[in-house]
Amino acid sequence: MTEGLSRGEEEIIENALRRAALNDYPNPDRKDCPAKKLLKRLAAKKLKPTDPVIQHVAECSPCFREMQELRRKLKRNPWLKMFIGGAVLGGVAAFFGWKPSSRTKRDE
């Protein structure tokens, strides 16, 4: 009977696979590399598991590195994204002249 891997064993395997993807598949000419927008979608986990981009990134160290950097940026900036989104909404509201109502129920 086989037992499952311990969390430590899983991490060892994941690290070995990550190192291999980062170093063992050079592609200096960047042959068949997907567009940056697809790497961004992969970094954001917005591609289906069957998408061929995933197989390419697993076999292309430069794309794997780029995708990992894009993923780090996404993880690092969630609050910045919300701040920018709020600022954009506030700017749109100001542009169209929306102001919060100063009236209360008592004023009606």
PDB file of N, CA and C in Angstrom:
ATOM      1  N   MET A   1       0.848  -1.174   0.000  1.00  0.00           N
ATOM      2  CA  MET A   1       0.000   0.000   0.000  1.00  0.00           C
ATOM      3  C   MET A   1       0.896   1.241   0.000  1.00  0.00           C
ATOM      4  N   THR A   2       0.592   2.185  -0.868  1.00  0.00           N
ATOM      5  CA  THR A   2       1.392   3.407  -0.923  1.00  0.00           C
ATOM      6  C   THR A   2       0.696   4.494  -0.120  1.00  0.00           C
ATOM      7  N   GLU A   3       1.525   5.313   0.509  1.00  0.00           N
ATOM      8  CA  GLU A   3       0.986   6.417   1.288  1.00  0.00           C
ATOM      9  C   GLU A   3       1.244   7.717   0.546  1.00  0.00           C
ATOM     10  N   GLY A   4       0.477   8.728   0.876  1.00  0.00           N
ATOM     11  CA  GLY A   4       0.679  10.032   0.267  1.00  0.00           C
ATOM     12  C   GLY A   4       1.973  10.669   0.743  1.00  0.00           C
ATOM     13  N   LEU A   5       2.385  11.670   0.020  1.00  0.00           N
ATOM     14  CA  LEU A   5       3.600  12.394   0.387  1.00  0.00           C
ATOM     15  C   LEU A   5       3.330  13.323   1.559  1.00  0.00           C
ATOM     16  N   SER A   6       4.335  13.501   2.382  1.00  0.00           N
ATOM     17  CA  SER A   6       4.210  14.481   3.460  1.00  0.00           C
ATOM     18  C   SER A   6       4.306  15.873   2.843  1.00  0.00           C
ATOM     19  N   ARG A   7       3.930  16.878   3.589  1.00  0.00           N
ATOM     20  CA  ARG A   7       4.012  18.256   3.086  1.00  0.00           C
ATOM     21  C   ARG A   7       5.463  18.614   2.753  1.00  0.00           C
ATOM     22  N   GLY A   8       6.402  18.142   3.564  1.00  0.00           N
ATOM     23  CA  GLY A   8       7.816  18.391   3.303  1.00  0.00           C
ATOM     24  C   GLY A   8       8.283  17.750   2.006  1.00  0.00           C
ATOM     25  N   GLU A   9       7.824  16.515   1.762  1.00  0.00           N
ATOM     26  CA  GLU A   9       8.181  15.830   0.511  1.00  0.00           C
ATOM     27  C   GLU A   9       7.570  16.533  -0.695  1.00  0.00           C
ATOM     28  N   GLU A  10       6.331  17.002  -0.553  1.00  0.00           N
ATOM     29  CA  GLU A  10       5.688  17.748  -1.636  1.00  0.00           C
ATOM     30  C   GLU A  10       6.472  19.014  -1.959  1.00  0.00           C
ATOM     31  N   GLU A  11       6.923  19.717  -0.922  1.00  0.00           N
ATOM     32  CA  GLU A  11       7.696  20.953  -1.137  1.00  0.00           C
ATOM     33  C   GLU A  11       9.017  20.664  -1.831  1.00  0.00           C
ATOM     34  N   ILE A  12       9.668  19.559  -1.483  1.00  0.00           N
ATOM     35  CA  ILE A  12      10.932  19.180  -2.133  1.00  0.00           C
ATOM     36  C   ILE A  12      10.701  18.956  -3.627  1.00  0.00           C
ATOM     37  N   ILE A  13       9.639  18.237  -3.957  1.00  0.00           N
ATOM     38  CA  ILE A  13       9.320  17.964  -5.359  1.00  0.00           C
ATOM     39  C   ILE A  13       8.965  19.256  -6.092  1.00  0.00           C
ATOM     40  N   GLU A  14       8.131  20.106  -5.478  1.00  0.00           N
ATOM     41  CA  GLU A  14       7.752  21.375  -6.104  1.00  0.00           C
ATOM     42  C   GLU A  14       8.977  22.243  -6.358  1.00  0.00           C
ATOM     43  N   ASN A  15       9.885  22.314  -5.391  1.00  0.00           N
ATOM     44  CA  ASN A  15      11.101  23.122  -5.558  1.00  0.00           C
ATOM     45  C   ASN A  15      11.985  22.569  -6.673  1.00  0.00           C
ATOM     46  N   ALA A  16      12.094  21.259  -6.760  1.00  0.00           N
ATOM     47  CA  ALA A  16      12.896  20.645  -7.827  1.00  0.00           C
ATOM     48  C   ALA A  16      12.292  20.946  -9.198  1.00  0.00           C
ATOM     49  N   LEU A  17      10.984  20.847  -9.305  1.00  0.00           N
ATOM     50  CA  LEU A  17      10.313  21.152 -10.571  1.00  0.00           C
ATOM     51  C   LEU A  17      10.467  22.636 -10.929  1.00  0.00           C
ATOM     52  N   ARG A  18      10.348  23.501  -9.934  1.00  0.00           N
ATOM     53  CA  ARG A  18      10.513  24.939 -10.162  1.00  0.00           C
ATOM     54  C   ARG A  18      11.930  25.250 -10.656  1.00  0.00           C
ATOM     55  N   ARG A  19      12.934  24.653 -10.012  1.00  0.00           N
ATOM     56  CA  ARG A  19      14.329  24.866 -10.441  1.00  0.00           C
ATOM     57  C   ARG A  19      14.542  24.372 -11.863  1.00  0.00           C
ATOM     58  N   ALA A  20      13.957  23.227 -12.186  1.00  0.00           N
ATOM     59  CA  ALA A  20      14.100  22.688 -13.541  1.00  0.00           C
ATOM     60  C   ALA A  20      13.447  23.621 -14.554  1.00  0.00           C
ATOM     61  N   ALA A  21      12.254  24.112 -14.255  1.00  0.00           N
ATOM     62  CA  ALA A  21      11.561  25.007 -15.176  1.00  0.00           C
ATOM     63  C   ALA A  21      12.325  26.317 -15.347  1.00  0.00           C
ATOM     64  N   LEU A  22      12.984  26.767 -14.277  1.00  0.00           N
ATOM     65  CA  LEU A  22      13.736  28.025 -14.349  1.00  0.00           C
ATOM     66  C   LEU A  22      15.043  27.891 -15.119  1.00  0.00           C
ATOM     67  N   ASN A  23      15.645  26.708 -15.132  1.00  0.00           N
ATOM     68  CA  ASN A  23      17.009  26.578 -15.649  1.00  0.00           C
ATOM     69  C   ASN A  23      17.230  25.547 -16.751  1.00  0.00           C
ATOM     70  N   ASP A  24      16.427  24.522 -16.804  1.00  0.00           N
ATOM     71  CA  ASP A  24      16.732  23.397 -17.678  1.00  0.00           C
ATOM     72  C   ASP A  24      16.167  23.506 -19.091  1.00  0.00           C
ATOM     73  N   TYR A  25      15.445  24.575 -19.388  1.00  0.00           N
ATOM     74  CA  TYR A  25      14.815  24.694 -20.698  1.00  0.00           C
ATOM     75  C   TYR A  25      15.135  26.040 -21.341  1.00  0.00           C
ATOM     76  N   PRO A  26      16.398  26.271 -21.689  1.00  0.00           N
ATOM     77  CA  PRO A  26      16.735  27.554 -22.303  1.00  0.00           C
ATOM     78  C   PRO A  26      16.052  27.683 -23.671  1.00  0.00           C
ATOM     79  N   ASN A  27      15.709  28.885 -23.980  1.00  0.00           N
ATOM     80  CA  ASN A  27      15.088  29.170 -25.271  1.00  0.00           C
ATOM     81  C   ASN A  27      15.588  30.559 -25.683  1.00  0.00           C
ATOM     82  N   PRO A  28      16.890  30.665 -25.995  1.00  0.00           N
ATOM     83  CA  PRO A  28      17.479  31.986 -26.243  1.00  0.00           C
ATOM     84  C   PRO A  28      16.827  32.745 -27.392  1.00  0.00           C
ATOM     85  N   ASP A  29      16.274  32.037 -28.352  1.00  0.00           N
ATOM     86  CA  ASP A  29      15.614  32.714 -29.480  1.00  0.00           C
ATOM     87  C   ASP A  29      14.144  33.000 -29.205  1.00  0.00           C
ATOM     88  N   ARG A  30      13.676  32.566 -28.027  1.00  0.00           N
ATOM     89  CA  ARG A  30      12.273  32.727 -27.626  1.00  0.00           C
ATOM     90  C   ARG A  30      11.320  32.182 -28.691  1.00  0.00           C
ATOM     91  N   LYS A  31      11.673  31.001 -29.202  1.00  0.00           N
ATOM     92  CA  LYS A  31      10.883  30.333 -30.242  1.00  0.00           C
ATOM     93  C   LYS A  31       9.521  29.915 -29.696  1.00  0.00           C
ATOM     94  N   ASP A  32       8.483  30.300 -30.424  1.00  0.00           N
ATOM     95  CA  ASP A  32       7.091  29.942 -30.108  1.00  0.00           C
ATOM     96  C   ASP A  32       6.595  30.510 -28.781  1.00  0.00           C
ATOM     97  N   CYS A  33       7.248  31.538 -28.255  1.00  0.00           N
ATOM     98  CA  CYS A  33       6.811  32.120 -26.985  1.00  0.00           C
ATOM     99  C   CYS A  33       5.494  32.870 -27.170  1.00  0.00           C
ATOM    100  N   PRO A  34       4.585  32.748 -26.207  1.00  0.00           N
ATOM    101  CA  PRO A  34       3.298  33.429 -26.306  1.00  0.00           C
ATOM    102  C   PRO A  34       3.453  34.932 -26.048  1.00  0.00           C
ATOM    103  N   ALA A  35       2.449  35.666 -26.444  1.00  0.00           N
ATOM    104  CA  ALA A  35       2.424  37.110 -26.210  1.00  0.00           C
ATOM    105  C   ALA A  35       2.372  37.390 -24.707  1.00  0.00           C
ATOM    106  N   LYS A  36       2.870  38.547 -24.324  1.00  0.00           N
ATOM    107  CA  LYS A  36       2.925  38.916 -22.900  1.00  0.00           C
ATOM    108  C   LYS A  36       1.525  38.903 -22.275  1.00  0.00           C
ATOM    109  N   LYS A  37       0.503  39.279 -23.050  1.00  0.00           N
ATOM    110  CA  LYS A  37      -0.853  39.300 -22.482  1.00  0.00           C
ATOM    111  C   LYS A  37      -1.298  37.900 -22.059  1.00  0.00           C
ATOM    112  N   LEU A  38      -0.840  36.868 -22.780  1.00  0.00           N
ATOM    113  CA  LEU A  38      -1.181  35.501 -22.374  1.00  0.00           C
ATOM    114  C   LEU A  38      -0.425  35.097 -21.117  1.00  0.00           C
ATOM    115  N   LEU A  39       0.836  35.539 -21.001  1.00  0.00           N
ATOM    116  CA  LEU A  39       1.587  35.249 -19.774  1.00  0.00           C
ATOM    117  C   LEU A  39       0.933  35.946 -18.581  1.00  0.00           C
ATOM    118  N   LYS A  40       0.416  37.155 -18.801  1.00  0.00           N
ATOM    119  CA  LYS A  40      -0.290  37.868 -17.730  1.00  0.00           C
ATOM    120  C   LYS A  40      -1.545  37.118 -17.327  1.00  0.00           C
ATOM    121  N   ARG A  41      -2.272  36.594 -18.305  1.00  0.00           N
ATOM    122  CA  ARG A  41      -3.484  35.815 -17.994  1.00  0.00           C
ATOM    123  C   ARG A  41      -3.140  34.546 -17.228  1.00  0.00           C
ATOM    124  N   LEU A  42      -2.029  33.911 -17.612  1.00  0.00           N
ATOM    125  CA  LEU A  42      -1.587  32.721 -16.887  1.00  0.00           C
ATOM    126  C   LEU A  42      -1.184  33.087 -15.462  1.00  0.00           C
ATOM    127  N   ALA A  43      -0.451  34.179 -15.306  1.00  0.00           N
ATOM    128  CA  ALA A  43      -0.027  34.628 -13.975  1.00  0.00           C
ATOM    129  C   ALA A  43      -1.231  34.916 -13.089  1.00  0.00           C
ATOM    130  N   ALA A  44      -2.298  35.430 -13.682  1.00  0.00           N
ATOM    131  CA  ALA A  44      -3.518  35.751 -12.940  1.00  0.00           C
ATOM    132  C   ALA A  44      -4.441  34.539 -12.794  1.00  0.00           C
ATOM    133  N   LYS A  45      -3.982  33.392 -13.299  1.00  0.00           N
ATOM    134  CA  LYS A  45      -4.739  32.138 -13.222  1.00  0.00           C
ATOM    135  C   LYS A  45      -6.076  32.245 -13.947  1.00  0.00           C
ATOM    136  N   LYS A  46      -6.034  32.848 -15.134  1.00  0.00           N
ATOM    137  CA  LYS A  46      -7.245  33.028 -15.926  1.00  0.00           C
ATOM    138  C   LYS A  46      -7.255  32.175 -17.190  1.00  0.00           C
ATOM    139  N   LEU A  47      -6.371  31.192 -17.256  1.00  0.00           N
ATOM    140  CA  LEU A  47      -6.370  30.287 -18.401  1.00  0.00           C
ATOM    141  C   LEU A  47      -6.857  28.917 -17.959  1.00  0.00           C
ATOM    142  N   LYS A  48      -7.468  28.206 -18.891  1.00  0.00           N
ATOM    143  CA  LYS A  48      -7.911  26.843 -18.592  1.00  0.00           C
ATOM    144  C   LYS A  48      -6.687  25.931 -18.462  1.00  0.00           C
ATOM    145  N   PRO A  49      -6.782  24.902 -17.634  1.00  0.00           N
ATOM    146  CA  PRO A  49      -5.646  23.982 -17.455  1.00  0.00           C
ATOM    147  C   PRO A  49      -5.192  23.321 -18.757  1.00  0.00           C
ATOM    148  N   THR A  50      -6.048  23.275 -19.756  1.00  0.00           N
ATOM    149  CA  THR A  50      -5.698  22.631 -21.025  1.00  0.00           C
ATOM    150  C   THR A  50      -5.088  23.607 -22.028  1.00  0.00           C
ATOM    151  N   ASP A  51      -4.965  24.870 -21.672  1.00  0.00           N
ATOM    152  CA  ASP A  51      -4.428  25.864 -22.607  1.00  0.00           C
ATOM    153  C   ASP A  51      -2.985  25.510 -22.962  1.00  0.00           C
ATOM    154  N   PRO A  52      -2.628  25.533 -24.251  1.00  0.00           N
ATOM    155  CA  PRO A  52      -1.265  25.177 -24.665  1.00  0.00           C
ATOM    156  C   PRO A  52      -0.185  26.128 -24.129  1.00  0.00           C
ATOM    157  N   VAL A  53      -0.562  27.320 -23.705  1.00  0.00           N
ATOM    158  CA  VAL A  53       0.409  28.254 -23.122  1.00  0.00           C
ATOM    159  C   VAL A  53       1.037  27.637 -21.879  1.00  0.00           C
ATOM    160  N   ILE A  54       0.255  26.907 -21.113  1.00  0.00           N
ATOM    161  CA  ILE A  54       0.762  26.292 -19.881  1.00  0.00           C
ATOM    162  C   ILE A  54       1.869  25.295 -20.205  1.00  0.00           C
ATOM    163  N   GLN A  55       1.666  24.478 -21.225  1.00  0.00           N
ATOM    164  CA  GLN A  55       2.696  23.506 -21.617  1.00  0.00           C
ATOM    165  C   GLN A  55       3.950  24.226 -22.088  1.00  0.00           C
ATOM    166  N   HIS A  56       3.767  25.300 -22.871  1.00  0.00           N
ATOM    167  CA  HIS A  56       4.942  26.037 -23.350  1.00  0.00           C
ATOM    168  C   HIS A  56       5.730  26.611 -22.172  1.00  0.00           C
ATOM    169  N   VAL A  57       5.051  27.240 -21.232  1.00  0.00           N
ATOM    170  CA  VAL A  57       5.732  27.860 -20.093  1.00  0.00           C
ATOM    171  C   VAL A  57       6.461  26.800 -19.258  1.00  0.00           C
ATOM    172  N   ALA A  58       5.899  25.614 -19.184  1.00  0.00           N
ATOM    173  CA  ALA A  58       6.551  24.530 -18.441  1.00  0.00           C
ATOM    174  C   ALA A  58       7.831  24.056 -19.128  1.00  0.00           C
ATOM    175  N   GLU A  59       7.961  24.352 -20.420  1.00  0.00           N
ATOM    176  CA  GLU A  59       9.119  23.889 -21.186  1.00  0.00           C
ATOM    177  C   GLU A  59       9.976  25.035 -21.713  1.00  0.00           C
ATOM    178  N   CYS A  60       9.788  26.244 -21.190  1.00  0.00           N
ATOM    179  CA  CYS A  60      10.540  27.413 -21.657  1.00  0.00           C
ATOM    180  C   CYS A  60      10.942  28.239 -20.431  1.00  0.00           C
ATOM    181  N   SER A  61      12.200  28.131 -20.054  1.00  0.00           N
ATOM    182  CA  SER A  61      12.664  28.837 -18.851  1.00  0.00           C
ATOM    183  C   SER A  61      12.430  30.347 -18.914  1.00  0.00           C
ATOM    184  N   PRO A  62      12.695  31.029 -20.037  1.00  0.00           N
ATOM    185  CA  PRO A  62      12.447  32.476 -20.064  1.00  0.00           C
ATOM    186  C   PRO A  62      10.971  32.829 -19.824  1.00  0.00           C
ATOM    187  N   CYS A  63      10.069  32.076 -20.413  1.00  0.00           N
ATOM    188  CA  CYS A  63       8.636  32.347 -20.196  1.00  0.00           C
ATOM    189  C   CYS A  63       8.238  32.025 -18.761  1.00  0.00           C
ATOM    190  N   PHE A  64       8.787  30.948 -18.208  1.00  0.00           N
ATOM    191  CA  PHE A  64       8.475  30.597 -16.825  1.00  0.00           C
ATOM    192  C   PHE A  64       8.925  31.705 -15.885  1.00  0.00           C
ATOM    193  N   ARG A  65      10.150  32.226 -16.111  1.00  0.00           N
ATOM    194  CA  ARG A  65      10.656  33.328 -15.273  1.00  0.00           C
ATOM    195  C   ARG A  65       9.761  34.560 -15.396  1.00  0.00           C
ATOM    196  N   GLU A  66       9.400  34.889 -16.637  1.00  0.00           N
ATOM    197  CA  GLU A  66       8.559  36.066 -16.859  1.00  0.00           C
ATOM    198  C   GLU A  66       7.188  35.909 -16.202  1.00  0.00           C
ATOM    199  N   MET A  67       6.598  34.730 -16.328  1.00  0.00           N
ATOM    200  CA  MET A  67       5.295  34.473 -15.716  1.00  0.00           C
ATOM    201  C   MET A  67       5.397  34.568 -14.190  1.00  0.00           C
ATOM    202  N   GLN A  68       6.479  34.050 -13.617  1.00  0.00           N
ATOM    203  CA  GLN A  68       6.635  34.130 -12.158  1.00  0.00           C
ATOM    204  C   GLN A  68       6.773  35.582 -11.695  1.00  0.00           C
ATOM    205  N   GLU A  69       7.505  36.386 -12.458  1.00  0.00           N
ATOM    206  CA  GLU A  69       7.650  37.803 -12.098  1.00  0.00           C
ATOM    207  C   GLU A  69       6.303  38.517 -12.191  1.00  0.00           C
ATOM    208  N   LEU A  70       5.528  38.217 -13.220  1.00  0.00           N
ATOM    209  CA  LEU A  70       4.186  38.808 -13.346  1.00  0.00           C
ATOM    210  C   LEU A  70       3.307  38.385 -12.173  1.00  0.00           C
ATOM    211  N   ARG A  71       3.409  37.134 -11.752  1.00  0.00           N
ATOM    212  CA  ARG A  71       2.621  36.634 -10.618  1.00  0.00           C
ATOM    213  C   ARG A  71       3.037  37.345  -9.325  1.00  0.00           C
ATOM    214  N   ARG A  72       4.347  37.560  -9.145  1.00  0.00           N
ATOM    215  CA  ARG A  72       4.830  38.284  -7.960  1.00  0.00           C
ATOM    216  C   ARG A  72       4.271  39.701  -7.926  1.00  0.00           C
ATOM    217  N   LYS A  73       4.266  40.352  -9.078  1.00  0.00           N
ATOM    218  CA  LYS A  73       3.730  41.716  -9.151  1.00  0.00           C
ATOM    219  C   LYS A  73       2.245  41.736  -8.805  1.00  0.00           C
ATOM    220  N   LEU A  74       1.505  40.746  -9.281  1.00  0.00           N
ATOM    221  CA  LEU A  74       0.078  40.679  -8.965  1.00  0.00           C
ATOM    222  C   LEU A  74      -0.145  40.491  -7.474  1.00  0.00           C
ATOM    223  N   LYS A  75       0.641  39.634  -6.864  1.00  0.00           N
ATOM    224  CA  LYS A  75       0.492  39.376  -5.428  1.00  0.00           C
ATOM    225  C   LYS A  75       0.925  40.576  -4.603  1.00  0.00           C
ATOM    226  N   ARG A  76       1.902  41.324  -5.096  1.00  0.00           N
ATOM    227  CA  ARG A  76       2.469  42.430  -4.346  1.00  0.00           C
ATOM    228  C   ARG A  76       1.571  43.661  -4.372  1.00  0.00           C
ATOM    229  N   ASN A  77       0.721  43.805  -5.367  1.00  0.00           N
ATOM    230  CA  ASN A  77      -0.003  45.052  -5.553  1.00  0.00           C
ATOM    231  C   ASN A  77      -1.524  44.988  -5.423  1.00  0.00           C
ATOM    232  N   PRO A  78      -2.113  44.102  -4.638  1.00  0.00           N
ATOM    233  CA  PRO A  78      -3.586  44.088  -4.608  1.00  0.00           C
ATOM    234  C   PRO A  78      -4.173  45.375  -4.032  1.00  0.00           C
ATOM    235  N   TRP A  79      -3.534  45.954  -3.024  1.00  0.00           N
ATOM    236  CA  TRP A  79      -4.066  47.193  -2.442  1.00  0.00           C
ATOM    237  C   TRP A  79      -3.884  48.361  -3.394  1.00  0.00           C
ATOM    238  N   LEU A  80      -2.780  48.368  -4.107  1.00  0.00           N
ATOM    239  CA  LEU A  80      -2.552  49.432  -5.082  1.00  0.00           C
ATOM    240  C   LEU A  80      -3.629  49.374  -6.158  1.00  0.00           C
ATOM    241  N   LYS A  81      -3.982  48.182  -6.601  1.00  0.00           N
ATOM    242  CA  LYS A  81      -5.025  48.040  -7.615  1.00  0.00           C
ATOM    243  C   LYS A  81      -6.357  48.574  -7.103  1.00  0.00           C
ATOM    244  N   MET A  82      -6.688  48.253  -5.839  1.00  0.00           N
ATOM    245  CA  MET A  82      -7.954  48.742  -5.285  1.00  0.00           C
ATOM    246  C   MET A  82      -7.924  50.260  -5.149  1.00  0.00           C
ATOM    247  N   PHE A  83      -6.775  50.812  -4.741  1.00  0.00           N
ATOM    248  CA  PHE A  83      -6.646  52.260  -4.609  1.00  0.00           C
ATOM    249  C   PHE A  83      -6.828  52.931  -5.968  1.00  0.00           C
ATOM    250  N   ILE A  84      -6.157  52.411  -6.982  1.00  0.00           N
ATOM    251  CA  ILE A  84      -6.274  52.981  -8.323  1.00  0.00           C
ATOM    252  C   ILE A  84      -7.709  52.851  -8.826  1.00  0.00           C
ATOM    253  N   GLY A  85      -8.328  51.699  -8.597  1.00  0.00           N
ATOM    254  CA  GLY A  85      -9.722  51.514  -9.010  1.00  0.00           C
ATOM    255  C   GLY A  85     -10.636  52.518  -8.339  1.00  0.00           C
ATOM    256  N   GLY A  86     -10.442  52.743  -7.041  1.00  0.00           N
ATOM    257  CA  GLY A  86     -11.246  53.736  -6.322  1.00  0.00           C
ATOM    258  C   GLY A  86     -10.990  55.135  -6.837  1.00  0.00           C
ATOM    259  N   ALA A  87      -9.743  55.448  -7.145  1.00  0.00           N
ATOM    260  CA  ALA A  87      -9.419  56.774  -7.664  1.00  0.00           C
ATOM    261  C   ALA A  87     -10.061  56.991  -9.030  1.00  0.00           C
ATOM    262  N   VAL A  88     -10.055  55.958  -9.861  1.00  0.00           N
ATOM    263  CA  VAL A  88     -10.684  56.069 -11.184  1.00  0.00           C
ATOM    264  C   VAL A  88     -12.182  56.282 -11.031  1.00  0.00           C
ATOM    265  N   LEU A  89     -12.821  55.510 -10.156  1.00  0.00           N
ATOM    266  CA  LEU A  89     -14.264  55.688  -9.942  1.00  0.00           C
ATOM    267  C   LEU A  89     -14.577  57.078  -9.400  1.00  0.00           C
ATOM    268  N   GLY A  90     -13.748  57.541  -8.460  1.00  0.00           N
ATOM    269  CA  GLY A  90     -13.940  58.881  -7.923  1.00  0.00           C
ATOM    270  C   GLY A  90     -13.765  59.948  -8.991  1.00  0.00           C
ATOM    271  N   GLY A  91     -12.782  59.759  -9.863  1.00  0.00           N
ATOM    272  CA  GLY A  91     -12.560  60.705 -10.957  1.00  0.00           C
ATOM    273  C   GLY A  91     -13.725  60.723 -11.929  1.00  0.00           C
ATOM    274  N   VAL A  92     -14.260  59.560 -12.246  1.00  0.00           N
ATOM    275  CA  VAL A  92     -15.420  59.490 -13.144  1.00  0.00           C
ATOM    276  C   VAL A  92     -16.613  60.178 -12.500  1.00  0.00           C
ATOM    277  N   ALA A  93     -16.826  59.911 -11.215  1.00  0.00           N
ATOM    278  CA  ALA A  93     -17.951  60.542 -10.511  1.00  0.00           C
ATOM    279  C   ALA A  93     -17.787  62.059 -10.499  1.00  0.00           C
ATOM    280  N   ALA A  94     -16.571  62.533 -10.246  1.00  0.00           N
ATOM    281  CA  ALA A  94     -16.335  63.980 -10.223  1.00  0.00           C
ATOM    282  C   ALA A  94     -16.536  64.574 -11.614  1.00  0.00           C
ATOM    283  N   PHE A  95     -16.089  63.865 -12.635  1.00  0.00           N
ATOM    284  CA  PHE A  95     -16.234  64.349 -14.003  1.00  0.00           C
ATOM    285  C   PHE A  95     -17.700  64.548 -14.366  1.00  0.00           C
ATOM    286  N   PHE A  96     -18.540  63.631 -13.937  1.00  0.00           N
ATOM    287  CA  PHE A  96     -19.962  63.719 -14.258  1.00  0.00           C
ATOM    288  C   PHE A  96     -20.748  64.530 -13.229  1.00  0.00           C
ATOM    289  N   GLY A  97     -20.062  65.110 -12.270  1.00  0.00           N
ATOM    290  CA  GLY A  97     -20.702  66.017 -11.330  1.00  0.00           C
ATOM    291  C   GLY A  97     -21.471  65.345 -10.210  1.00  0.00           C
ATOM    292  N   TRP A  98     -21.205  64.082  -9.920  1.00  0.00           N
ATOM    293  CA  TRP A  98     -21.904  63.411  -8.830  1.00  0.00           C
ATOM    294  C   TRP A  98     -21.344  63.894  -7.507  1.00  0.00           C
ATOM    295  N   LYS A  99     -22.248  64.206  -6.596  1.00  0.00           N
ATOM    296  CA  LYS A  99     -21.843  64.603  -5.252  1.00  0.00           C
ATOM    297  C   LYS A  99     -22.666  63.797  -4.264  1.00  0.00           C
ATOM    298  N   PRO A 100     -22.073  63.416  -3.160  1.00  0.00           N
ATOM    299  CA  PRO A 100     -22.872  62.695  -2.162  1.00  0.00           C
ATOM    300  C   PRO A 100     -23.996  63.605  -1.676  1.00  0.00           C
ATOM    301  N   SER A 101     -25.124  63.030  -1.453  1.00  0.00           N
ATOM    302  CA  SER A 101     -26.269  63.801  -0.989  1.00  0.00           C
ATOM    303  C   SER A 101     -26.018  64.320   0.418  1.00  0.00           C
ATOM    304  N   SER A 102     -26.260  65.600   0.620  1.00  0.00           N
ATOM    305  CA  SER A 102     -26.101  66.170   1.968  1.00  0.00           C
ATOM    306  C   SER A 102     -27.427  66.160   2.710  1.00  0.00           C
ATOM    307  N   ARG A 103     -28.473  65.754   2.011  1.00  0.00           N
ATOM    308  CA  ARG A 103     -29.796  65.719   2.653  1.00  0.00           C
ATOM    309  C   ARG A 103     -29.925  64.478   3.514  1.00  0.00           C
ATOM    310  N   THR A 104     -30.609  64.617   4.595  1.00  0.00           N
ATOM    311  CA  THR A 104     -30.923  63.479   5.456  1.00  0.00           C
ATOM    312  C   THR A 104     -32.409  63.271   5.418  1.00  0.00           C
ATOM    313  N   LYS A 105     -32.882  62.236   6.032  1.00  0.00           N
ATOM    314  CA  LYS A 105     -34.315  61.962   6.029  1.00  0.00           C
ATOM    315  C   LYS A 105     -35.080  63.097   6.700  1.00  0.00           C
ATOM    316  N   ARG A 106     -34.489  63.742   7.686  1.00  0.00           N
ATOM    317  CA  ARG A 106     -35.167  64.842   8.379  1.00  0.00           C
ATOM    318  C   ARG A 106     -35.394  66.031   7.464  1.00  0.00           C
ATOM    319  N   ASP A 107     -34.522  66.205   6.449  1.00  0.00           N
ATOM    320  CA  ASP A 107     -34.648  67.335   5.533  1.00  0.00           C
ATOM    321  C   ASP A 107     -35.791  67.159   4.549  1.00  0.00           C
ATOM    322  N   GLU A 108     -36.280  65.959   4.401  1.00  0.00           N
ATOM    323  CA  GLU A 108     -37.313  65.708   3.385  1.00  0.00           C
ATOM    324  C   GLU A 108     -38.664  66.179   3.801  1.00  0.00           C
TER     325      GLU A 108
END
